[in-house]
Amino acid sequence: MDKKTFFDKLRQTPRPVMVDLWAPWCGPCKIVKPTLEKLAQEYNGRVDFWEINANDNPELLRALRVYGIPTLIVYSGEKETMRYVGAKPASALRSLFETLATGGAPKQLTLTNSERTLRFGTGLVVAVIGTMVNTGWILFIIGGVVMFTAIYDRCPIWKAVTGYFKNLTSKA
């Protein structure tokens, strides 16, 4: 599907649309696929669910600026209202479908406290190992990035910077 066809189809759809961008070789895609398909059937007629194979549509993925899969993008009309990258738990996906079906605005899924702790701890271990080996600066940086991913959605500076860039790209 090309970009024009995709957005033409979005314009003609009166319901909220959830687009699943996946690939057959993607492990996390295979994990969430049965849940998404079950929810799509359950909410049929209230939420439109489109599955787009990343292997078959690389131009569309570039046009939508999708850099990782699985990616779920929620649209209301032609407007993207939410984007989720990575596998999400079934409860979060059900909540998203329910919110869309009842006309609510989707909100960003956040990490649980245990996920935050695991990410931060893993990053800390990698960073500490990085300080102990000769060329460990690479590991130190990787550890720092992993630790940051545990808190980035709560960081006010990150929110300000990403909000600024979202405003810039939405005007373009």
N, C-alpha and C. Protein backbone atom coordinates (compact mmCIF):
# COMPACT_ATOMS: atom_id res chain seq x y z
N MET A 1 0.86 -1.16 0.00
CA MET A 1 0.00 0.00 0.00
C MET A 1 0.91 1.23 0.00
N ASP A 2 0.61 2.18 -0.86
CA ASP A 2 1.41 3.40 -0.88
C ASP A 2 0.79 4.45 0.05
N LYS A 3 1.50 5.53 0.26
CA LYS A 3 1.08 6.57 1.20
C LYS A 3 -0.26 7.18 0.81
N LYS A 4 -0.44 7.47 -0.47
CA LYS A 4 -1.69 8.09 -0.94
C LYS A 4 -2.88 7.17 -0.67
N THR A 5 -2.75 5.90 -1.03
CA THR A 5 -3.83 4.94 -0.81
C THR A 5 -4.14 4.82 0.68
N PHE A 6 -3.10 4.78 1.50
CA PHE A 6 -3.26 4.66 2.94
C PHE A 6 -4.08 5.83 3.49
N PHE A 7 -3.70 7.05 3.15
CA PHE A 7 -4.40 8.22 3.68
C PHE A 7 -5.77 8.41 3.05
N ASP A 8 -5.95 8.00 1.80
CA ASP A 8 -7.30 8.01 1.19
C ASP A 8 -8.24 7.08 1.96
N LYS A 9 -7.73 5.91 2.29
CA LYS A 9 -8.52 4.93 3.04
C LYS A 9 -8.84 5.47 4.45
N LEU A 10 -7.87 6.15 5.07
CA LEU A 10 -8.11 6.75 6.39
C LEU A 10 -9.22 7.80 6.33
N ARG A 11 -9.19 8.63 5.28
CA ARG A 11 -10.21 9.68 5.13
C ARG A 11 -11.61 9.10 5.02
N GLN A 12 -11.73 7.93 4.43
CA GLN A 12 -13.04 7.33 4.20
C GLN A 12 -13.54 6.50 5.38
N THR A 13 -12.74 6.37 6.41
CA THR A 13 -13.11 5.53 7.54
C THR A 13 -13.65 6.39 8.68
N PRO A 14 -14.92 6.20 9.05
CA PRO A 14 -15.52 7.04 10.09
C PRO A 14 -15.11 6.66 11.52
N ARG A 15 -14.63 5.44 11.70
CA ARG A 15 -14.27 4.97 13.04
C ARG A 15 -12.79 5.19 13.32
N PRO A 16 -12.39 5.09 14.60
CA PRO A 16 -10.96 5.13 14.91
C PRO A 16 -10.27 3.94 14.25
N VAL A 17 -9.03 4.14 13.84
CA VAL A 17 -8.27 3.10 13.15
C VAL A 17 -7.01 2.81 13.95
N MET A 18 -6.78 1.52 14.21
CA MET A 18 -5.53 1.09 14.81
C MET A 18 -4.76 0.31 13.74
N VAL A 19 -3.56 0.77 13.44
CA VAL A 19 -2.73 0.16 12.41
C VAL A 19 -1.61 -0.60 13.10
N ASP A 20 -1.50 -1.89 12.80
CA ASP A 20 -0.43 -2.73 13.33
C ASP A 20 0.60 -2.93 12.23
N LEU A 21 1.80 -2.41 12.43
CA LEU A 21 2.89 -2.58 11.48
C LEU A 21 3.78 -3.68 12.05
N TRP A 22 3.88 -4.78 11.33
CA TRP A 22 4.52 -5.99 11.82
C TRP A 22 5.34 -6.64 10.72
N ALA A 23 6.04 -7.71 11.06
CA ALA A 23 6.77 -8.52 10.08
C ALA A 23 6.72 -9.98 10.53
N PRO A 24 6.72 -10.91 9.57
CA PRO A 24 6.63 -12.33 9.92
C PRO A 24 7.82 -12.84 10.73
N TRP A 25 8.97 -12.22 10.60
CA TRP A 25 10.17 -12.66 11.31
C TRP A 25 10.31 -12.05 12.70
N CYS A 26 9.42 -11.13 13.06
CA CYS A 26 9.51 -10.36 14.30
C CYS A 26 8.91 -11.16 15.47
N GLY A 27 9.75 -11.51 16.45
CA GLY A 27 9.30 -12.26 17.62
C GLY A 27 8.22 -11.55 18.42
N PRO A 28 8.45 -10.28 18.83
CA PRO A 28 7.40 -9.58 19.58
C PRO A 28 6.09 -9.44 18.80
N CYS A 29 6.20 -9.32 17.46
CA CYS A 29 4.98 -9.23 16.63
C CYS A 29 4.16 -10.51 16.76
N LYS A 30 4.87 -11.65 16.76
CA LYS A 30 4.19 -12.95 16.88
C LYS A 30 3.53 -13.10 18.24
N ILE A 31 4.13 -12.50 19.26
CA ILE A 31 3.58 -12.61 20.61
C ILE A 31 2.27 -11.84 20.74
N VAL A 32 2.20 -10.62 20.19
CA VAL A 32 0.99 -9.80 20.36
C VAL A 32 -0.08 -10.05 19.30
N LYS A 33 0.30 -10.69 18.20
CA LYS A 33 -0.63 -10.89 17.08
C LYS A 33 -1.94 -11.58 17.50
N PRO A 34 -1.91 -12.71 18.24
CA PRO A 34 -3.18 -13.35 18.62
C PRO A 34 -4.07 -12.44 19.46
N THR A 35 -3.48 -11.68 20.36
CA THR A 35 -4.26 -10.77 21.20
C THR A 35 -4.90 -9.68 20.35
N LEU A 36 -4.10 -9.09 19.46
CA LEU A 36 -4.63 -8.02 18.59
C LEU A 36 -5.77 -8.54 17.71
N GLU A 37 -5.60 -9.72 17.14
CA GLU A 37 -6.63 -10.27 16.26
C GLU A 37 -7.91 -10.58 17.03
N LYS A 38 -7.77 -11.09 18.26
CA LYS A 38 -8.93 -11.38 19.10
C LYS A 38 -9.67 -10.08 19.44
N LEU A 39 -8.91 -9.05 19.83
CA LEU A 39 -9.53 -7.77 20.17
C LEU A 39 -10.15 -7.11 18.94
N ALA A 40 -9.52 -7.25 17.79
CA ALA A 40 -10.07 -6.68 16.56
C ALA A 40 -11.43 -7.30 16.25
N GLN A 41 -11.57 -8.61 16.46
CA GLN A 41 -12.86 -9.27 16.24
C GLN A 41 -13.88 -8.81 17.28
N GLU A 42 -13.45 -8.71 18.52
CA GLU A 42 -14.35 -8.31 19.60
C GLU A 42 -14.87 -6.88 19.41
N TYR A 43 -14.03 -6.00 18.89
CA TYR A 43 -14.42 -4.59 18.73
C TYR A 43 -14.74 -4.26 17.27
N ASN A 44 -14.99 -5.27 16.46
CA ASN A 44 -15.34 -5.08 15.06
C ASN A 44 -16.58 -4.20 14.95
N GLY A 45 -16.49 -3.20 14.06
CA GLY A 45 -17.61 -2.27 13.89
C GLY A 45 -17.48 -1.03 14.75
N ARG A 46 -16.62 -1.09 15.75
CA ARG A 46 -16.39 0.09 16.61
C ARG A 46 -14.98 0.64 16.45
N VAL A 47 -14.03 -0.24 16.17
CA VAL A 47 -12.63 0.14 15.92
C VAL A 47 -12.17 -0.64 14.70
N ASP A 48 -11.61 0.08 13.73
CA ASP A 48 -11.05 -0.60 12.55
C ASP A 48 -9.61 -0.98 12.85
N PHE A 49 -9.26 -2.20 12.51
CA PHE A 49 -7.91 -2.72 12.77
C PHE A 49 -7.28 -3.11 11.44
N TRP A 50 -6.16 -2.49 11.11
CA TRP A 50 -5.46 -2.78 9.86
C TRP A 50 -4.10 -3.38 10.20
N GLU A 51 -3.78 -4.48 9.54
CA GLU A 51 -2.46 -5.09 9.69
C GLU A 51 -1.66 -4.81 8.42
N ILE A 52 -0.47 -4.25 8.60
CA ILE A 52 0.39 -3.94 7.45
C ILE A 52 1.73 -4.61 7.65
N ASN A 53 2.06 -5.49 6.72
CA ASN A 53 3.32 -6.22 6.76
C ASN A 53 4.45 -5.27 6.36
N ALA A 54 5.40 -5.08 7.26
CA ALA A 54 6.53 -4.17 7.02
C ALA A 54 7.38 -4.61 5.83
N ASN A 55 7.51 -5.91 5.65
CA ASN A 55 8.31 -6.42 4.52
C ASN A 55 7.71 -6.05 3.17
N ASP A 56 6.39 -6.04 3.10
CA ASP A 56 5.70 -5.76 1.84
C ASP A 56 5.48 -4.27 1.59
N ASN A 57 5.67 -3.43 2.60
CA ASN A 57 5.35 -2.00 2.47
C ASN A 57 6.44 -1.09 3.03
N PRO A 58 7.69 -1.25 2.60
CA PRO A 58 8.76 -0.42 3.18
C PRO A 58 8.60 1.07 2.91
N GLU A 59 8.04 1.43 1.75
CA GLU A 59 7.85 2.85 1.44
C GLU A 59 6.85 3.49 2.40
N LEU A 60 5.79 2.76 2.72
CA LEU A 60 4.79 3.28 3.65
C LEU A 60 5.40 3.45 5.04
N LEU A 61 6.20 2.50 5.48
CA LEU A 61 6.85 2.62 6.78
C LEU A 61 7.75 3.85 6.82
N ARG A 62 8.49 4.11 5.76
CA ARG A 62 9.32 5.32 5.71
C ARG A 62 8.45 6.57 5.76
N ALA A 63 7.36 6.57 5.01
CA ALA A 63 6.47 7.73 4.99
C ALA A 63 5.84 7.99 6.36
N LEU A 64 5.55 6.92 7.10
CA LEU A 64 4.95 7.06 8.42
C LEU A 64 6.00 7.22 9.52
N ARG A 65 7.26 7.20 9.13
CA ARG A 65 8.39 7.31 10.06
C ARG A 65 8.35 6.22 11.13
N VAL A 66 8.20 4.99 10.66
CA VAL A 66 8.22 3.83 11.55
C VAL A 66 9.62 3.25 11.47
N TYR A 67 10.30 3.21 12.63
CA TYR A 67 11.68 2.75 12.67
C TYR A 67 11.86 1.46 13.46
N GLY A 68 10.81 0.97 14.04
CA GLY A 68 10.87 -0.28 14.80
C GLY A 68 9.52 -0.96 14.76
N ILE A 69 9.57 -2.27 14.83
CA ILE A 69 8.31 -3.02 14.84
C ILE A 69 8.33 -3.98 16.03
N PRO A 70 7.21 -4.34 16.56
CA PRO A 70 5.88 -3.91 16.14
C PRO A 70 5.62 -2.46 16.53
N THR A 71 4.87 -1.78 15.69
CA THR A 71 4.41 -0.42 15.97
C THR A 71 2.90 -0.39 15.77
N LEU A 72 2.21 0.15 16.75
CA LEU A 72 0.77 0.40 16.63
C LEU A 72 0.58 1.90 16.51
N ILE A 73 -0.15 2.32 15.49
CA ILE A 73 -0.46 3.73 15.32
C ILE A 73 -1.98 3.87 15.32
N VAL A 74 -2.47 4.80 16.13
CA VAL A 74 -3.90 5.05 16.24
C VAL A 74 -4.22 6.33 15.49
N TYR A 75 -5.25 6.27 14.64
CA TYR A 75 -5.68 7.43 13.85
C TYR A 75 -7.13 7.75 14.14
N SER A 76 -7.39 9.04 14.13
CA SER A 76 -8.75 9.54 14.14
C SER A 76 -8.84 10.42 12.89
N GLY A 77 -9.56 9.96 11.89
CA GLY A 77 -9.51 10.62 10.58
C GLY A 77 -8.11 10.43 10.02
N GLU A 78 -7.52 11.50 9.55
CA GLU A 78 -6.15 11.41 9.02
C GLU A 78 -5.11 11.70 10.09
N LYS A 79 -5.57 12.09 11.27
CA LYS A 79 -4.65 12.54 12.31
C LYS A 79 -4.20 11.38 13.19
N GLU A 80 -2.87 11.26 13.32
CA GLU A 80 -2.30 10.29 14.24
C GLU A 80 -2.51 10.80 15.66
N THR A 81 -3.13 9.97 16.49
CA THR A 81 -3.39 10.39 17.87
C THR A 81 -2.48 9.69 18.87
N MET A 82 -1.91 8.54 18.49
CA MET A 82 -1.05 7.82 19.42
C MET A 82 -0.19 6.83 18.65
N ARG A 83 0.99 6.56 19.20
CA ARG A 83 1.91 5.60 18.60
C ARG A 83 2.56 4.79 19.72
N TYR A 84 2.53 3.48 19.58
CA TYR A 84 3.15 2.57 20.53
C TYR A 84 4.17 1.72 19.79
N VAL A 85 5.38 1.67 20.29
CA VAL A 85 6.42 0.85 19.68
C VAL A 85 6.77 -0.26 20.65
N GLY A 86 6.81 -1.48 20.13
CA GLY A 86 7.14 -2.63 20.98
C GLY A 86 5.89 -3.38 21.40
N ALA A 87 6.12 -4.57 21.92
CA ALA A 87 5.02 -5.42 22.38
C ALA A 87 4.44 -4.85 23.66
N LYS A 88 3.13 -4.87 23.76
CA LYS A 88 2.43 -4.38 24.94
C LYS A 88 1.63 -5.53 25.54
N PRO A 89 1.40 -5.52 26.85
CA PRO A 89 0.61 -6.58 27.47
C PRO A 89 -0.84 -6.56 26.99
N ALA A 90 -1.48 -7.72 27.07
CA ALA A 90 -2.86 -7.86 26.61
C ALA A 90 -3.80 -6.89 27.33
N SER A 91 -3.58 -6.68 28.62
CA SER A 91 -4.46 -5.76 29.37
C SER A 91 -4.36 -4.34 28.83
N ALA A 92 -3.17 -3.91 28.47
CA ALA A 92 -2.99 -2.56 27.92
C ALA A 92 -3.64 -2.45 26.55
N LEU A 93 -3.53 -3.50 25.74
CA LEU A 93 -4.15 -3.48 24.41
C LEU A 93 -5.67 -3.48 24.52
N ARG A 94 -6.20 -4.26 25.46
CA ARG A 94 -7.66 -4.27 25.67
C ARG A 94 -8.14 -2.88 26.10
N SER A 95 -7.41 -2.27 27.00
CA SER A 95 -7.76 -0.93 27.47
C SER A 95 -7.75 0.07 26.31
N LEU A 96 -6.77 -0.06 25.43
CA LEU A 96 -6.69 0.83 24.27
C LEU A 96 -7.89 0.64 23.35
N PHE A 97 -8.24 -0.61 23.03
CA PHE A 97 -9.41 -0.87 22.18
C PHE A 97 -10.67 -0.32 22.83
N GLU A 98 -10.83 -0.54 24.14
CA GLU A 98 -12.02 -0.06 24.84
C GLU A 98 -12.11 1.47 24.81
N THR A 99 -10.98 2.12 25.02
CA THR A 99 -10.95 3.59 24.97
C THR A 99 -11.37 4.08 23.59
N LEU A 100 -10.83 3.47 22.55
CA LEU A 100 -11.17 3.88 21.19
C LEU A 100 -12.64 3.60 20.87
N ALA A 101 -13.13 2.45 21.30
CA ALA A 101 -14.51 2.07 21.00
C ALA A 101 -15.52 2.99 21.67
N THR A 102 -15.17 3.54 22.81
CA THR A 102 -16.09 4.41 23.54
C THR A 102 -15.89 5.88 23.20
N GLY A 103 -15.01 6.15 22.25
CA GLY A 103 -14.81 7.53 21.81
C GLY A 103 -13.82 8.33 22.64
N GLY A 104 -13.13 7.66 23.55
CA GLY A 104 -12.14 8.35 24.38
C GLY A 104 -10.84 8.58 23.62
N ALA A 105 -10.04 9.45 24.16
CA ALA A 105 -8.73 9.73 23.57
C ALA A 105 -7.70 8.78 24.18
N PRO A 106 -6.94 8.09 23.35
CA PRO A 106 -5.95 7.16 23.89
C PRO A 106 -4.84 7.91 24.61
N LYS A 107 -4.29 7.27 25.62
CA LYS A 107 -3.16 7.88 26.31
C LYS A 107 -1.96 6.95 26.20
N GLN A 108 -0.80 7.54 26.32
CA GLN A 108 0.45 6.80 26.18
C GLN A 108 0.55 5.73 27.24
N LEU A 109 0.88 4.51 26.81
CA LEU A 109 1.11 3.45 27.78
C LEU A 109 2.46 3.70 28.44
N THR A 110 2.51 3.58 29.74
CA THR A 110 3.76 3.82 30.45
C THR A 110 4.31 2.51 30.99
N LEU A 111 5.55 2.57 31.39
CA LEU A 111 6.20 1.41 31.97
C LEU A 111 5.68 1.17 33.38
N THR A 112 5.63 -0.10 33.76
CA THR A 112 5.30 -0.41 35.15
C THR A 112 6.54 -0.15 36.00
N ASN A 113 6.35 -0.09 37.30
CA ASN A 113 7.49 0.14 38.19
C ASN A 113 8.52 -0.98 38.09
N SER A 114 8.05 -2.21 37.93
CA SER A 114 9.01 -3.32 37.80
C SER A 114 9.80 -3.21 36.49
N GLU A 115 9.14 -2.78 35.41
CA GLU A 115 9.86 -2.59 34.15
C GLU A 115 10.88 -1.46 34.27
N ARG A 116 10.51 -0.40 34.95
CA ARG A 116 11.45 0.71 35.17
C ARG A 116 12.66 0.24 35.97
N THR A 117 12.40 -0.50 37.04
CA THR A 117 13.48 -0.99 37.90
C THR A 117 14.40 -1.92 37.13
N LEU A 118 13.82 -2.81 36.35
CA LEU A 118 14.63 -3.75 35.56
C LEU A 118 15.50 -3.00 34.55
N ARG A 119 14.93 -2.04 33.84
CA ARG A 119 15.71 -1.26 32.87
C ARG A 119 16.82 -0.47 33.54
N PHE A 120 16.47 0.20 34.63
CA PHE A 120 17.46 1.02 35.31
C PHE A 120 18.58 0.14 35.87
N GLY A 121 18.22 -0.98 36.49
CA GLY A 121 19.22 -1.90 37.04
C GLY A 121 20.13 -2.48 35.97
N THR A 122 19.55 -2.88 34.85
CA THR A 122 20.34 -3.41 33.74
C THR A 122 21.31 -2.36 33.22
N GLY A 123 20.81 -1.16 33.03
CA GLY A 123 21.67 -0.07 32.56
C GLY A 123 22.79 0.22 33.53
N LEU A 124 22.48 0.21 34.81
CA LEU A 124 23.49 0.47 35.84
C LEU A 124 24.58 -0.60 35.82
N VAL A 125 24.18 -1.86 35.71
CA VAL A 125 25.16 -2.96 35.65
C VAL A 125 26.07 -2.80 34.42
N VAL A 126 25.49 -2.51 33.27
CA VAL A 126 26.28 -2.34 32.05
C VAL A 126 27.23 -1.15 32.19
N ALA A 127 26.75 -0.05 32.77
CA ALA A 127 27.61 1.13 32.97
C ALA A 127 28.75 0.84 33.93
N VAL A 128 28.48 0.12 35.01
CA VAL A 128 29.53 -0.23 35.97
C VAL A 128 30.57 -1.13 35.31
N ILE A 129 30.12 -2.11 34.55
CA ILE A 129 31.07 -2.97 33.82
C ILE A 129 31.90 -2.12 32.87
N GLY A 130 31.27 -1.13 32.25
CA GLY A 130 31.98 -0.24 31.35
C GLY A 130 33.11 0.52 32.03
N THR A 131 32.94 0.83 33.30
CA THR A 131 34.00 1.55 34.02
C THR A 131 35.15 0.63 34.40
N MET A 132 34.96 -0.66 34.31
CA MET A 132 35.98 -1.62 34.75
C MET A 132 36.86 -2.18 33.64
N VAL A 133 36.49 -1.94 32.39
CA VAL A 133 37.29 -2.49 31.29
C VAL A 133 37.94 -1.35 30.51
N ASN A 134 39.01 -1.68 29.76
CA ASN A 134 39.79 -0.66 29.06
C ASN A 134 38.98 0.17 28.08
N THR A 135 38.26 -0.47 27.20
CA THR A 135 37.46 0.26 26.21
C THR A 135 35.99 0.31 26.63
N GLY A 136 35.79 0.48 27.90
CA GLY A 136 34.45 0.41 28.46
C GLY A 136 33.59 1.64 28.26
N TRP A 137 34.11 2.68 27.67
CA TRP A 137 33.31 3.89 27.47
C TRP A 137 32.08 3.60 26.63
N ILE A 138 32.19 2.65 25.70
CA ILE A 138 31.01 2.28 24.89
C ILE A 138 29.95 1.65 25.78
N LEU A 139 30.38 0.71 26.64
CA LEU A 139 29.43 0.08 27.55
C LEU A 139 28.85 1.11 28.53
N PHE A 140 29.67 2.04 28.97
CA PHE A 140 29.20 3.08 29.88
C PHE A 140 28.09 3.91 29.23
N ILE A 141 28.29 4.29 27.97
CA ILE A 141 27.27 5.06 27.24
C ILE A 141 26.01 4.24 27.03
N ILE A 142 26.17 2.99 26.63
CA ILE A 142 25.00 2.12 26.43
C ILE A 142 24.23 1.97 27.75
N GLY A 143 24.95 1.76 28.84
CA GLY A 143 24.30 1.65 30.15
C GLY A 143 23.54 2.91 30.51
N GLY A 144 24.13 4.07 30.21
CA GLY A 144 23.45 5.33 30.48
C GLY A 144 22.18 5.48 29.67
N VAL A 145 22.23 5.08 28.41
CA VAL A 145 21.04 5.16 27.56
C VAL A 145 19.95 4.23 28.08
N VAL A 146 20.33 3.02 28.47
CA VAL A 146 19.34 2.07 29.01
C VAL A 146 18.72 2.62 30.30
N MET A 147 19.55 3.21 31.17
CA MET A 147 19.01 3.81 32.40
C MET A 147 18.05 4.95 32.06
N PHE A 148 18.39 5.76 31.07
CA PHE A 148 17.53 6.87 30.68
C PHE A 148 16.18 6.38 30.17
N THR A 149 16.15 5.24 29.46
CA THR A 149 14.87 4.73 28.95
C THR A 149 13.93 4.32 30.08
N ALA A 150 14.47 4.14 31.28
CA ALA A 150 13.62 3.80 32.42
C ALA A 150 12.88 5.02 32.96
N ILE A 151 13.40 6.23 32.67
CA ILE A 151 12.79 7.43 33.26
C ILE A 151 12.41 8.49 32.24
N TYR A 152 12.72 8.27 30.95
CA TYR A 152 12.56 9.34 29.95
C TYR A 152 11.17 9.93 29.89
N ASP A 153 10.12 9.12 30.06
CA ASP A 153 8.76 9.64 29.94
C ASP A 153 8.35 10.48 31.14
N ARG A 154 9.15 10.48 32.19
CA ARG A 154 8.88 11.30 33.36
C ARG A 154 9.79 12.53 33.43
N CYS A 155 10.75 12.61 32.52
CA CYS A 155 11.74 13.68 32.55
C CYS A 155 11.14 14.97 31.95
N PRO A 156 11.06 16.07 32.72
CA PRO A 156 10.45 17.30 32.19
C PRO A 156 11.24 17.90 31.02
N ILE A 157 12.56 17.76 31.04
CA ILE A 157 13.36 18.28 29.93
C ILE A 157 13.05 17.49 28.67
N TRP A 158 12.98 16.17 28.79
CA TRP A 158 12.66 15.31 27.64
C TRP A 158 11.28 15.68 27.09
N LYS A 159 10.30 15.89 27.97
CA LYS A 159 8.95 16.25 27.53
C LYS A 159 8.96 17.59 26.80
N ALA A 160 9.71 18.53 27.31
CA ALA A 160 9.78 19.85 26.67
C ALA A 160 10.42 19.76 25.29
N VAL A 161 11.52 19.03 25.18
CA VAL A 161 12.22 18.92 23.90
C VAL A 161 11.37 18.16 22.88
N THR A 162 10.80 17.01 23.29
CA THR A 162 10.00 16.24 22.34
C THR A 162 8.72 16.98 21.97
N GLY A 163 8.14 17.71 22.92
CA GLY A 163 6.95 18.52 22.60
C GLY A 163 7.26 19.59 21.58
N TYR A 164 8.41 20.21 21.71
CA TYR A 164 8.84 21.23 20.73
C TYR A 164 8.97 20.62 19.34
N PHE A 165 9.62 19.45 19.25
CA PHE A 165 9.80 18.82 17.94
C PHE A 165 8.48 18.28 17.38
N LYS A 166 7.58 17.83 18.23
CA LYS A 166 6.26 17.40 17.75
C LYS A 166 5.51 18.57 17.14
N ASN A 167 5.59 19.73 17.79
CA ASN A 167 4.94 20.92 17.23
C ASN A 167 5.54 21.32 15.90
N LEU A 168 6.85 21.23 15.79
CA LEU A 168 7.51 21.56 14.52
C LEU A 168 7.09 20.63 13.40
N THR A 169 7.06 19.32 13.69
CA THR A 169 6.72 18.34 12.65
C THR A 169 5.24 18.35 12.30
N SER A 170 4.38 18.72 13.26
CA SER A 170 2.95 18.75 12.95
C SER A 170 2.60 19.92 12.04
N LYS A 171 3.41 20.98 12.06
CA LYS A 171 3.18 22.14 11.19
C LYS A 171 3.70 21.91 9.80
N ALA A 172 4.63 20.94 9.65
CA ALA A 172 5.24 20.69 8.33
C ALA A 172 4.33 19.90 7.44
